[in-house]
Amino acid sequence: MKVIASLAALLGLVQLATSSPAPLAARNNADAAASSSNGFDQQTSAYTASSAFPTSMFASYYNSPASMTAEPRPVVTDVQRNSVFPDILANPTILPLGPSSSEAVYPVATGTASPDIVSQVRKELTDIFSSSSANCTKCTDALKSAQKLARQSPKDVPAMLIEMCTKYSYKSASTCAKSYAPQVLGSVYSQILSYADFSANSTDAQYMCNIVVGSSTSNCSLPKPRHLDDTFLDNWFYGKRTPPSSYNKNVGEPTENGKDLRVLHMSDIHVDPRYFVGGEAACTNGRCCRADAYNSTLSNGNFTQGMLPKSNISEVSTYWGNFKCDTPWSLVLSTLEAVTPLNGGDEVDMSIHTGDMVVHDLVQFISQDLVKYTHQSLYDSIRSMLGKGPVFNAIGNHDSSPSDFASQGALPDGRSDQLSWDWDNLARLWEAEGWFNHAQAEQVRSHYAGYSVTPRKGLRIIAINTDFWYKNNVFNMIHTQNPDYSGSLRFLTDELFHAEKRGERVWIVGHVLTGWDGSNPLDNPTNLFYQIVDRFAPHVIAHIFFGHTHEDQFNVFYTNNGTSKAAAAAKAVSFMAPSITPGNNVNPALRIMHVNASTYEVMDYHQFYTRVPTFPDLPASSHGPIYEYLYSARSAYGNFTASNANSSHPVAGGMWPASAPLNATFWAKLTEEMAVRKELVQQFTVYQGRNSPKSPKCTTDDCVKAKICYMQSGSAILGKQCPQGFGSVQS
């Protein structure tokens, strides 16, 4: 019986989102210009990257960057230690044994441990798993038993996890030992078990069994969301739940040339410094495009790392990248190189990066040094290639070690600072790159890599760590009825009040989205976020920017918890940016937004992408990836003639006015139009995966209705009410 596996399943590893558009016709207008229908300046429609790696990007390399037979391995200096990161950290043929043992952080034991506590808990767990109780009862009982061990003898928890994982065949013995080692996941789970409340009135155990152990294993249902009643909301908003009747906006200064700002929105770079050229790109074991990966239909795994015979490879990992793999250095720098040319030769005015720079990897291969190496090298590259414009970053769930984790400041035993190394490192880097001054960087240290800054008159950018509503952050499995145990939403709300007083427009920047199909975020914190948006949009909140899904998506927020999905009730929109990584089965993409310099509203955005299927032939050519124009949001979506007559917000002639921003009303009207013109949903689906041949179509009534529902769902609660199974184009 695998129910714990119940205890060991206290950690199913996070998998990439799954699911998959029909391809658009190829574009051949490499020298043409693409302009949006409202008369914006022309935008370059394509850019061909150089075939040569920009060797000047780094001072030196551990290998020759000139050859396309291997990815370059730059020598990166850890400025904090004044020493270089060793080659073994990112050498593709020498995968690390695991993070340092010093990275293990345990809870403080409470009281004196019973001499036989380990054997006692072992017997209790064995009895629980062999009983005839319902699986959900077994799971919650197992957690209570394990809590005794975590509180009395926390350092014995990893060994117990490994033992239970192996005994009940939750994973292979080798994987159990690597995954639940103290410095990997073992000590973290010791903390969660110790700090959780497993009493009858708490929902912590139900959340753990449903999300961490898994509903299919535990048969535990997810607890009902907490109702945020009037008393709670009155207190939350300091008795000011109603926006002011008048609002004087502190409008921004026009640009020198009178044109709109150009703002880059990029996300989910996921550089893989251990990417192995010539390996297995369609693996069934390991991480694809790694020296130890293989496809079990052609290999039994018995080969020297990095020397899998070509006859045993189903799809070769190429120099520029593959659909099932994260981003090699060559593709990262080609993409950054393309930004300025795609913007007509001018540097963008500013950039937003919505998180996830670090590779997806097995837990035992993630370490603090790998995270620091990735951030140091990528931020230096971004600063070099994007020029003077500031870059505003959000931390992603993969930008920590272990991945997905962020610990709250209210944790006991002084454990609130166990990830402070991460916030401190980001603060130091963002200040060193010239994007923040020292006072602004200090906010990053204090708010889990969050901050509130004003880059231009009338604009405030507020970034928050969205790991605190991500379901795979196990620290969210404690105090589950508190929608803001971290205090991040209190920080956001207070900053929005300050912005309201100053007449500022606000961009909220984060990583994990709040809604869509509800598969990623948690109910309670995203419900509170929805109430915050309802209170401050649209007069304060101009836009919300996320990433995480690797897909081109959006969410509309409506008044009164979305009880009416009419366009007239729309209050805000969140944009989920497409990823630079091609994993899983999407084409890398960039988005350049045209933003009104006075109101800070998006007037249009232009999306560019490069085709992964062309990568195998590039080494034999004289150039690198070609970045093509995909679409303009205004041109693709601004025709509402089919639904206009029945809309709560009709527009003259059914066409969105050229002078109007792409605000929440625009995107809400798009969902109304999609309900009438179903082919628009398929067009949207093509854009989701950026013309990937791997993406499934969305032409059935079930799929169309589901996707429209996702677009209209800005919280996890709303998203889960939609039909499931159509949320992603990845596979």
Foldseek 3Di string as FASTA:
>chain_A
DCCVCLVLLLADDDDFDFAAFAFDPDDDPQQDWDDFPLDADTFRFWDFFFPADPVVLAPDFPDDCGDFQWFTHGFFAPVVVRGTDDPLLQAQQRFDQFADPVLFDAFDADDAADPCLPVVLVVQLVCLVPDPDALLVSSLSNLLSLLSCLRHPVVCQLVVSLVRCPVSVVDDSVLSCLCSPRNFCVRVSSQLSNQFDSDPPDCLSLLSSPQSSHCVSRVRDHDDADDCDPVNVCVLLVNPLAADPDFDAQWFDADPVNFFAKEWEAEAQAERSNQRFFFAQPFPDFQHRGQQTFHVVQDPSPDRRNCDDPSRHPDTAGSQGDQAHHGYPRLLLSVLLCVCVSRVNHFGQAYEYAEHQHHDHRRRSDYPVSLLRRVSSNLSSNLVRRDDHAYHYAYDQQSFRVGLAQAAPPRPPPCNCSGLVSLLSVLVSSVVSVNDPNVQSVVSSVQVHWGWDDPTGQEIETEHEQSCFWSNHSNCSHPVNDLCRRCRVSVVLVVLVVSRVVNHAYEYGHADAFFQLLPTGHFRNSVVVLSSQLSRFPRHYQAYEYESSLWWAKAWRFHPQCPDLALVRTTFMYTYDHHQTSPNQFWGKMKMFGAHSTRRFTAKIWMKTWANVCRVCVVVDRTHTMIGTQDICLNLQQALQQQQVVGPDHDPPRGDDSPDGCTSSSLSSSLSSCVRVVVSVSVSSCRGRVSGNQFDGQDDPLLSQQNSQSRHIRHSVSSNVGDDDNRHSGD
